[in-house]
Amino acid sequence: MATDFSFDIVSDFDRQELVNAVDQTLRELKSRYDLKNTGSEITLDEKTITILTDNEMTLEAIQDLLQTKSAKRGLSLKIFEPGAIEKAGGNRIRQEIILKKGIEQKLAKQVCQQIRDTNKKVQATIQGEAVRVSAKNKDDLQLVIQSLKKDDFPVALQFTNYR
């Protein structure tokens, strides 16, 4: 009896780790001498992070701080997509950072095509915001994972449900 092995390719992040990274950034904002009196704010919503501050130099420092805290917590920096810098009331600026989650249809097709080009014994199917890869041999799946890890995609890829 032939058994198929499979895994899913997803683009996701640990929400609690992101909450912790934002919280650490806020704590450091309140204690760091160069950022303490700027009145800067960071707000985490379901799909965005909003930074409100005095000037672009402070904004860059906050972004750097947030990215450092996120990287230390094992979050990929590819989940952050900074938006345009907008004027907010009272000589302040605001920037929304969109949190990328899921694999878009166009990118999923590109991943499937690359998998087919790499290994003919493997099947890849798009399932919503994920790609399911299946094969008769576990070694073929390992080769696909290694191949995808080498490439630089615009989103962070994780490999889940390996069975």
Protein backbone atom coordinates (compact mmCIF):
# COMPACT_ATOMS: atom_id res chain seq x y z
CA MET A 1 0.00 0.00 0.00
CA ALA A 2 1.51 3.30 -1.12
CA THR A 3 1.19 6.18 1.34
CA ASP A 4 1.47 9.81 0.37
CA PHE A 5 3.52 12.12 2.57
CA SER A 6 2.74 15.82 2.63
CA PHE A 7 3.35 19.20 4.22
CA ASP A 8 1.86 22.69 3.94
CA ILE A 9 3.66 25.88 3.01
CA VAL A 10 2.20 28.84 4.88
CA SER A 11 3.13 32.43 5.66
CA ASP A 12 2.23 33.17 9.24
CA PHE A 13 3.70 34.59 12.44
CA ASP A 14 3.28 34.01 16.14
CA ARG A 15 0.85 36.73 17.24
CA GLN A 16 1.86 36.51 20.90
CA GLU A 17 5.54 37.02 20.04
CA LEU A 18 4.56 40.11 18.04
CA VAL A 19 2.54 41.43 21.01
CA ASN A 20 5.58 40.86 23.23
CA ALA A 21 7.91 42.62 20.75
CA VAL A 22 5.59 45.66 20.56
CA ASP A 23 5.30 45.70 24.35
CA GLN A 24 9.09 45.60 24.78
CA THR A 25 9.44 48.40 22.22
CA LEU A 26 6.93 50.53 24.14
CA ARG A 27 8.79 49.94 27.41
CA GLU A 28 12.08 50.94 25.84
CA LEU A 29 10.44 54.04 24.31
CA LYS A 30 9.50 55.21 27.78
CA SER A 31 12.94 54.61 29.24
CA ARG A 32 15.41 55.46 26.46
CA TYR A 33 16.79 58.99 26.88
CA ASP A 34 16.53 60.01 23.20
CA LEU A 35 12.94 58.74 22.84
CA LYS A 36 11.56 59.36 26.33
CA ASN A 37 10.06 62.84 25.84
CA THR A 38 8.90 62.50 22.22
CA GLY A 39 5.38 61.40 23.14
CA SER A 40 5.64 58.56 20.64
CA GLU A 41 2.97 55.88 20.51
CA ILE A 42 2.79 52.39 19.01
CA THR A 43 -0.59 50.74 18.50
CA LEU A 44 -1.01 47.10 17.48
CA ASP A 45 -4.25 46.27 15.67
CA GLU A 46 -5.37 43.03 14.05
CA LYS A 47 -3.60 43.67 10.72
CA THR A 48 -1.47 46.80 11.32
CA ILE A 49 0.96 48.50 13.65
CA THR A 50 0.60 52.28 13.84
CA ILE A 51 3.49 54.49 14.93
CA LEU A 52 2.77 58.11 15.91
CA THR A 53 5.76 60.34 16.65
CA ASP A 54 7.39 63.77 16.24
CA ASN A 55 9.73 63.43 13.25
CA GLU A 56 11.19 61.01 10.72
CA MET A 57 14.41 60.50 12.64
CA THR A 58 12.48 59.32 15.70
CA LEU A 59 10.25 57.19 13.46
CA GLU A 60 13.32 55.42 12.02
CA ALA A 61 14.66 54.79 15.54
CA ILE A 62 11.33 53.28 16.61
CA GLN A 63 11.15 51.10 13.49
CA ASP A 64 14.69 49.88 14.11
CA LEU A 65 13.84 49.14 17.72
CA LEU A 66 10.67 47.24 16.74
CA GLN A 67 12.54 45.21 14.11
CA THR A 68 15.32 44.34 16.56
CA LYS A 69 12.86 43.21 19.23
CA SER A 70 10.90 41.20 16.64
CA ALA A 71 14.00 39.50 15.25
CA LYS A 72 15.13 38.53 18.76
CA ARG A 73 11.74 36.87 19.26
CA GLY A 74 12.11 34.79 16.09
CA LEU A 75 9.79 36.84 13.87
CA SER A 76 10.76 37.37 10.25
CA LEU A 77 11.10 40.99 9.18
CA LYS A 78 9.25 40.08 5.97
CA ILE A 79 5.96 40.27 7.87
CA PHE A 80 6.30 44.07 8.08
CA GLU A 81 5.24 46.19 5.11
CA PRO A 82 5.72 49.89 5.98
CA GLY A 83 3.16 52.27 4.53
CA ALA A 84 3.55 55.91 3.58
CA ILE A 85 4.42 58.50 6.20
CA GLU A 86 1.42 60.76 6.80
CA LYS A 87 1.01 64.08 8.57
CA ALA A 88 -0.92 63.87 11.80
CA GLY A 89 -2.21 66.83 13.77
CA GLY A 90 0.17 69.07 15.70
CA ASN A 91 3.43 68.69 13.76
CA ARG A 92 3.39 64.92 14.22
CA ILE A 93 3.70 62.09 11.73
CA ARG A 94 2.03 58.69 11.50
CA GLN A 95 3.03 55.51 9.73
CA GLU A 96 1.06 52.30 9.41
CA ILE A 97 2.97 49.06 9.08
CA ILE A 98 0.85 46.34 7.46
CA LEU A 99 1.33 42.83 8.85
CA LYS A 100 1.61 40.33 6.00
CA LYS A 101 0.00 36.96 6.62
CA GLY A 102 -0.89 34.25 4.12
CA ILE A 103 0.39 33.54 0.62
CA GLU A 104 -1.26 35.54 -2.15
CA GLN A 105 -2.64 33.67 -5.18
CA LYS A 106 0.03 35.00 -7.57
CA LEU A 107 2.88 34.01 -5.27
CA ALA A 108 1.27 30.62 -4.56
CA LYS A 109 1.24 29.91 -8.31
CA GLN A 110 4.89 30.93 -8.54
CA VAL A 111 5.79 28.59 -5.64
CA CYS A 112 3.86 25.70 -7.24
CA GLN A 113 5.58 26.26 -10.56
CA GLN A 114 8.99 26.30 -8.93
CA ILE A 115 8.22 23.07 -7.07
CA ARG A 116 7.15 21.39 -10.32
CA ASP A 117 10.31 22.61 -12.06
CA THR A 118 12.52 21.37 -9.20
CA ASN A 119 11.07 17.92 -8.71
CA LYS A 120 8.70 16.08 -11.08
CA LYS A 121 7.71 13.47 -8.46
CA VAL A 122 6.05 16.06 -6.22
CA GLN A 123 2.53 17.51 -6.49
CA ALA A 124 1.75 21.03 -5.28
CA THR A 125 -1.79 22.36 -4.88
CA ILE A 126 -3.02 25.74 -3.73
CA GLN A 127 -5.42 25.62 -0.78
CA GLY A 128 -6.58 29.13 0.09
CA GLU A 129 -3.60 31.01 1.52
CA ALA A 130 -1.44 27.87 1.76
CA VAL A 131 0.22 25.42 -0.62
CA ARG A 132 -0.01 21.66 0.03
CA VAL A 133 2.91 19.61 -1.25
CA SER A 134 2.63 15.82 -1.45
CA ALA A 135 4.80 12.99 -2.70
CA LYS A 136 5.28 9.22 -2.33
CA ASN A 137 8.77 9.67 -0.87
CA LYS A 138 9.77 11.77 2.17
CA ASP A 139 13.17 12.48 0.62
CA ASP A 140 11.51 14.29 -2.29
CA LEU A 141 9.67 16.52 0.20
CA GLN A 142 12.94 17.29 1.99
CA LEU A 143 14.49 18.35 -1.33
CA VAL A 144 11.56 20.69 -1.98
CA ILE A 145 11.93 22.28 1.47
CA GLN A 146 15.67 22.78 0.94
CA SER A 147 15.06 24.29 -2.49
CA LEU A 148 12.44 26.74 -1.19
CA LYS A 149 14.60 27.79 1.77
CA LYS A 150 17.38 28.81 -0.64
CA ASP A 151 15.13 31.19 -2.57
CA ASP A 152 14.21 34.64 -1.36
CA PHE A 153 10.45 35.13 -1.42
CA PRO A 154 8.76 38.42 -0.45
CA VAL A 155 6.98 36.65 2.43
CA ALA A 156 8.25 34.47 5.25
CA LEU A 157 7.53 30.81 4.48
CA GLN A 158 6.96 28.14 7.10
CA PHE A 159 6.57 24.42 6.54
CA THR A 160 3.83 22.85 8.67
CA ASN A 161 1.80 19.63 9.01
CA TYR A 162 4.68 17.45 7.86
CA ARG A 163 3.34 13.90 7.71
